[in-house]
Structure formats: structure tokens, C-alpha cells
Amino acid sequence: MADKKDLARPPTAAGGPDSTIDSFLAEAKRLAPPKGNAPQARLVFALDATMSRQPTWDLACRVQSEMFAMASDAGSLSVQLVYFRGFGECRASRWVADPRALTDLMTKISCQGGQTQIARVLRHVRSEASQAPVKVLVYVGDAMEEPIDALCDVAGELGLLGVKAFMFHEGNDPDAARAFQEIARLSGGAYARFDAGAPQTLSELLRAAAAYATGGLKGLTRLTAGSVQARNLLTAITERKP
């Protein structure tokens, strides 16, 4: 993903199946933070939007504002939404700093059947981080259908660029668990599993990720008194420090 367009498909006619996505990108551009007033911390919020993910996509739409609520306590946060779905479709919004704006963008997207494209997400984050610092990648998904060695290679590069991957795993797929854990380890981030039937868990995880993005270890530590998920993420990060 070299830019903020779908690189896999040609433009479609107005009213075609991709017209909603074109509107999504146009709206994302309009909502980009003004130059010269950019928030301090940047977080990429990446989601698997293949068909099995629709219930959790709806959940993520509802709880993603928790990231911004936490960020307002410790510093400003700019979020870029990245998703993949269907046949080779992988897209990214511009950077936004308003929870309502991100919710509006997400509700315009429906999940479609397809294979995972985690490698494209990681390469995109690598490209973004090479241009300006990205503190955190939050990835939410339930499957992994790609060569794990290729994912690990890019994950290590993200770690060198200072990007910590917070890999939030829905369900119990063992291949996904193994890959997500390795991506988190190689980037210096953290892995956590959640159940779509327990929305509070994902809410806590997103708040914890934002707390780290805006306040580092101190920001994450402040959440640990009232959040099991924050404590677990903090432990995962600090256990790897020499």
C-alpha cells in the first residue's frame, strides 16, 4: 500500500460497487488535520474487513471512540484507518483527530469475503513511519492466511522504526495466534485475545493502546489500576525490555 488508494483495482463508474469507498476516501481527505496543527501522536487502526468480521467491525465502530477519550487525558491523537476486504482491496484513510469522524468513516464500509492481507497493512505502516513517526499499530483480526515469515520480516522493521504493534485477536485460530504473537514480539508490542461477545475487553484494549501512543509506558501505567487489559499489555511490553 504505497498511498491512500486501492492499488489493486481500477476506478469504477459512478454508482458502482466501489462508489461508497470513493466517498469514504473523499470524506477522509476533508477531515484530515490542518497542517501546522498536527496532533503529537500517530496511531494506525487496522482491521480485517473480510466477511467473518462484520459483527466485530460493528463493535469496533462503537468502541473506537475510547481511543480518543483516553488520548484527551494525556495528549492529542491522530488516527489513520486501514482495512482490507474482498479481492485484493486494501485501503487507508487520511489521518483524522475526531472520534466522530472516524466513526462516520467506518460505518460507510461493509465487510466482504476475501483472504487476509496483513502483509500489505504492515508494509503500509512501514511506509508511513518512514515519512513521519508512528507510535502504535493497532490491528484487529481473527485469521491469518499468509506466509508467516514474510509478516515477521516486516514486523521486525517496524520495531526498528519505533512502531509497536498491538495485535488484538478475536477468537481462537491457532495460526492467527502464532502470527500475531510473533508480530507483536518482533515489533516490541503486545498481543491480546478477545471475544466479540465481551465488548468491554476490546474497549479496554483500545484505550490502553491510545494511552501508550500518547503517554508511553507512563500513560499505560496510569490505566493499570482499573484495567486488567492495560496491566496485561504493560507486562507484555516491559517483559521484553533488557
Protein backbone atom coordinates (compact mmCIF):
# COMPACT_ATOMS: atom_id res chain seq x y z
CA MET A 1 0.00 0.00 0.00
CA ALA A 2 2.13 2.87 -1.27
CA ASP A 3 -0.52 5.57 -0.90
CA LYS A 4 -4.06 6.09 0.28
CA LYS A 5 -5.82 4.43 -2.66
CA ASP A 6 -6.83 0.93 -3.57
CA LEU A 7 -3.88 -0.22 -5.66
CA ALA A 8 -5.50 -3.46 -6.74
CA ARG A 9 -8.48 -2.16 -8.69
CA PRO A 10 -9.06 0.38 -11.47
CA PRO A 11 -11.51 3.26 -10.93
CA THR A 12 -15.17 2.27 -11.24
CA ALA A 13 -18.10 4.09 -12.73
CA ALA A 14 -20.24 6.32 -10.53
CA GLY A 15 -22.77 4.28 -8.63
CA GLY A 16 -20.69 1.11 -8.98
CA PRO A 17 -19.79 -1.18 -6.09
CA ASP A 18 -16.77 0.92 -5.11
CA SER A 19 -18.55 4.28 -5.19
CA THR A 20 -19.16 4.17 -1.44
CA ILE A 21 -15.46 3.61 -0.85
CA ASP A 22 -14.60 6.53 -3.13
CA SER A 23 -16.88 8.69 -0.99
CA PHE A 24 -15.12 7.32 2.09
CA LEU A 25 -11.72 8.43 0.78
CA ALA A 26 -13.04 11.86 -0.21
CA GLU A 27 -14.53 12.37 3.24
CA ALA A 28 -11.34 11.19 4.91
CA LYS A 29 -9.36 13.78 2.96
CA ARG A 30 -11.74 16.53 4.06
CA LEU A 31 -11.38 15.51 7.69
CA ALA A 32 -7.57 15.46 7.70
CA PRO A 33 -5.99 17.57 10.49
CA PRO A 34 -4.88 21.02 9.31
CA LYS A 35 -1.21 21.38 8.51
CA GLY A 36 0.75 23.07 11.26
CA ASN A 37 -1.70 21.79 13.88
CA ALA A 38 -0.96 18.07 13.71
CA PRO A 39 -1.58 16.00 16.85
CA GLN A 40 1.52 14.77 18.64
CA ALA A 41 0.90 11.02 18.45
CA ARG A 42 0.02 8.92 15.40
CA LEU A 43 -1.74 5.57 15.60
CA VAL A 44 -2.74 3.31 12.71
CA PHE A 45 -6.01 1.48 13.38
CA ALA A 46 -6.07 -1.53 11.03
CA LEU A 47 -8.92 -4.01 10.72
CA ASP A 48 -9.65 -7.19 8.84
CA ALA A 49 -12.91 -6.41 6.99
CA THR A 50 -13.45 -9.83 5.44
CA MET A 51 -16.89 -11.37 5.77
CA SER A 52 -16.38 -13.19 9.08
CA ARG A 53 -15.52 -9.89 10.73
CA GLN A 54 -18.81 -7.99 10.29
CA PRO A 55 -20.01 -8.40 13.92
CA THR A 56 -16.67 -7.21 15.29
CA TRP A 57 -16.44 -4.40 12.74
CA ASP A 58 -19.74 -3.10 14.13
CA LEU A 59 -18.34 -3.47 17.64
CA ALA A 60 -15.16 -1.60 16.70
CA CYS A 61 -17.27 1.22 15.25
CA ARG A 62 -18.98 1.60 18.60
CA VAL A 63 -15.97 1.47 20.87
CA GLN A 64 -13.18 3.12 18.84
CA SER A 65 -14.02 6.49 20.40
CA GLU A 66 -12.46 5.09 23.59
CA MET A 67 -9.06 5.67 21.99
CA PHE A 68 -9.75 9.38 21.65
CA ALA A 69 -11.29 9.66 25.12
CA MET A 70 -8.08 8.33 26.64
CA ALA A 71 -5.92 10.46 24.35
CA SER A 72 -7.64 13.64 25.51
CA ASP A 73 -6.30 12.98 29.03
CA ALA A 74 -2.66 12.64 28.01
CA GLY A 75 -2.25 14.44 24.70
CA SER A 76 -3.73 14.61 21.24
CA LEU A 77 -4.00 11.64 18.93
CA SER A 78 -4.20 11.31 15.15
CA VAL A 79 -5.61 8.04 13.78
CA GLN A 80 -5.46 6.53 10.32
CA LEU A 81 -7.96 3.81 9.47
CA VAL A 82 -6.67 0.92 7.33
CA TYR A 83 -8.75 -2.05 6.22
CA PHE A 84 -8.76 -4.89 3.73
CA ARG A 85 -11.55 -6.99 2.27
CA GLY A 86 -12.79 -8.68 -0.90
CA PHE A 87 -10.49 -9.47 -3.81
CA GLY A 88 -7.24 -7.62 -3.13
CA GLU A 89 -8.86 -4.47 -1.75
CA CYS A 90 -6.74 -2.72 0.86
CA ARG A 91 -7.27 0.95 1.66
CA ALA A 92 -6.26 3.65 4.10
CA SER A 93 -7.88 6.90 5.12
CA ARG A 94 -6.11 10.16 5.75
CA TRP A 95 -5.20 10.97 9.35
CA VAL A 96 -8.13 12.14 11.49
CA ALA A 97 -8.30 13.54 15.01
CA ASP A 98 -12.03 13.39 15.73
CA PRO A 99 -13.74 10.23 17.05
CA ARG A 100 -17.00 11.15 15.32
CA ALA A 101 -15.16 11.49 12.03
CA LEU A 102 -13.60 8.05 12.37
CA THR A 103 -16.95 6.51 13.29
CA ASP A 104 -18.55 8.10 10.23
CA LEU A 105 -15.80 6.68 8.02
CA MET A 106 -16.10 3.18 9.47
CA THR A 107 -19.88 2.99 9.17
CA LYS A 108 -19.61 3.54 5.41
CA ILE A 109 -17.71 0.26 5.00
CA SER A 110 -19.25 -3.20 4.88
CA CYS A 111 -17.31 -6.44 5.21
CA GLN A 112 -16.78 -8.66 2.15
CA GLY A 113 -15.38 -12.15 1.68
CA GLY A 114 -11.69 -12.46 0.92
CA GLN A 115 -8.26 -13.51 2.14
CA THR A 116 -6.20 -11.70 4.76
CA GLN A 117 -3.77 -9.00 3.59
CA ILE A 118 -1.80 -8.40 6.75
CA ALA A 119 1.49 -8.06 4.87
CA ARG A 120 0.10 -5.11 2.92
CA VAL A 121 -1.00 -3.46 6.15
CA LEU A 122 2.43 -3.88 7.71
CA ARG A 123 4.20 -2.57 4.61
CA HIS A 124 1.89 0.44 4.56
CA VAL A 125 2.65 1.21 8.20
CA ARG A 126 6.36 0.87 7.44
CA SER A 127 5.96 3.42 4.64
CA GLU A 128 4.06 5.84 6.87
CA ALA A 129 6.61 5.50 9.67
CA SER A 130 9.49 6.17 7.31
CA GLN A 131 7.92 9.55 6.50
CA ALA A 132 6.85 10.63 10.00
CA PRO A 133 6.87 8.80 13.36
CA VAL A 134 4.07 6.33 14.03
CA LYS A 135 3.88 5.29 17.66
CA VAL A 136 1.44 2.38 17.51
CA LEU A 137 -0.21 -0.02 15.08
CA VAL A 138 -3.46 -1.45 16.42
CA TYR A 139 -4.55 -4.47 14.41
CA VAL A 140 -7.87 -6.27 14.96
CA GLY A 141 -8.43 -9.58 13.18
CA ASP A 142 -9.39 -13.21 13.55
CA ALA A 143 -7.35 -15.05 10.89
CA MET A 144 -4.00 -15.28 9.10
CA GLU A 145 -3.74 -16.77 5.60
CA GLU A 146 -0.27 -15.61 4.51
CA PRO A 147 3.34 -16.83 4.82
CA ILE A 148 4.30 -16.07 8.40
CA ASP A 149 7.98 -15.44 7.63
CA ALA A 150 7.09 -12.53 5.35
CA LEU A 151 4.98 -10.95 8.08
CA CYS A 152 7.71 -11.38 10.67
CA ASP A 153 10.28 -9.74 8.41
CA VAL A 154 8.26 -6.54 8.12
CA ALA A 155 7.30 -6.66 11.80
CA GLY A 156 10.99 -6.54 12.70
CA GLU A 157 11.41 -3.48 10.50
CA LEU A 158 8.52 -1.80 12.27
CA GLY A 159 10.29 -2.40 15.56
CA LEU A 160 13.41 -0.70 14.22
CA LEU A 161 11.27 2.27 13.19
CA GLY A 162 9.81 2.53 16.69
CA VAL A 163 6.32 1.26 15.80
CA LYS A 164 4.83 -1.10 18.37
CA ALA A 165 2.19 -3.48 17.00
CA PHE A 166 -0.71 -4.16 19.33
CA MET A 167 -2.26 -7.29 17.82
CA PHE A 168 -5.80 -7.85 19.08
CA HIS A 169 -7.04 -11.32 18.17
CA GLU A 170 -10.69 -12.25 18.03
CA GLY A 171 -11.34 -15.96 18.53
CA ASN A 172 -9.04 -18.95 18.88
CA ASP A 173 -7.49 -19.61 15.47
CA PRO A 174 -4.05 -21.10 16.26
CA ASP A 175 -2.36 -19.87 13.07
CA ALA A 176 -3.55 -16.34 13.72
CA ALA A 177 -2.46 -16.54 17.35
CA ARG A 178 1.04 -17.69 16.40
CA ALA A 179 1.46 -14.99 13.74
CA PHE A 180 0.01 -12.18 15.84
CA GLN A 181 2.21 -13.09 18.79
CA GLU A 182 5.32 -13.04 16.62
CA ILE A 183 4.41 -9.71 15.01
CA ALA A 184 3.88 -8.22 18.46
CA ARG A 185 7.13 -9.66 19.79
CA LEU A 186 9.28 -8.55 16.87
CA SER A 187 7.91 -5.02 16.92
CA GLY A 188 8.16 -4.72 20.69
CA GLY A 189 4.39 -4.52 21.05
CA ALA A 190 1.81 -6.79 22.65
CA TYR A 191 -0.72 -9.50 21.81
CA ALA A 192 -4.17 -9.89 23.35
CA ARG A 193 -7.14 -12.13 22.64
CA PHE A 194 -10.75 -11.01 22.96
CA ASP A 195 -14.25 -12.33 22.38
CA ALA A 196 -16.71 -10.31 20.29
CA GLY A 197 -19.32 -11.16 22.91
CA ALA A 198 -17.41 -9.12 25.50
CA PRO A 199 -17.20 -5.58 24.06
CA GLN A 200 -15.65 -4.18 27.25
CA THR A 201 -12.46 -6.12 26.55
CA LEU A 202 -11.91 -4.52 23.14
CA SER A 203 -12.84 -1.14 24.59
CA GLU A 204 -10.17 -1.51 27.28
CA LEU A 205 -7.60 -2.67 24.75
CA LEU A 206 -8.16 0.35 22.51
CA ARG A 207 -7.95 2.72 25.48
CA ALA A 208 -4.70 1.08 26.55
CA ALA A 209 -3.21 1.36 23.06
CA ALA A 210 -4.09 5.04 22.90
CA ALA A 211 -2.67 5.61 26.37
CA TYR A 212 0.63 4.15 25.23
CA ALA A 213 0.59 6.10 21.96
CA THR A 214 0.12 9.42 23.74
CA GLY A 215 1.90 8.83 27.03
CA GLY A 216 4.27 5.89 26.58
CA LEU A 217 4.79 3.50 29.47
CA LYS A 218 3.73 6.14 31.99
CA GLY A 219 0.46 6.67 30.17
CA LEU A 220 -0.23 2.96 30.04
CA THR A 221 0.73 2.51 33.68
CA ARG A 222 -1.89 5.05 34.75
CA LEU A 223 -4.60 2.72 33.43
CA THR A 224 -3.43 -0.42 35.16
CA ALA A 225 -5.20 0.19 38.46
CA GLY A 226 -8.61 -0.17 36.83
CA SER A 227 -7.95 -2.26 33.74
CA VAL A 228 -6.82 -5.87 33.52
CA GLN A 229 -6.17 -5.43 29.80
CA ALA A 230 -3.88 -2.46 30.42
CA ARG A 231 -1.95 -4.46 33.01
CA ASN A 232 -1.52 -7.35 30.60
CA LEU A 233 -0.31 -5.12 27.78
CA LEU A 234 2.10 -3.32 30.09
CA THR A 235 3.53 -6.64 31.26
CA ALA A 236 3.93 -7.86 27.69
CA ILE A 237 5.87 -4.73 26.71
CA THR A 238 8.07 -4.41 29.77
CA GLU A 239 8.99 -8.11 29.94
CA ARG A 240 10.87 -7.69 26.65
CA LYS A 241 12.89 -4.70 27.78
CA PRO A 242 16.53 -5.57 28.64
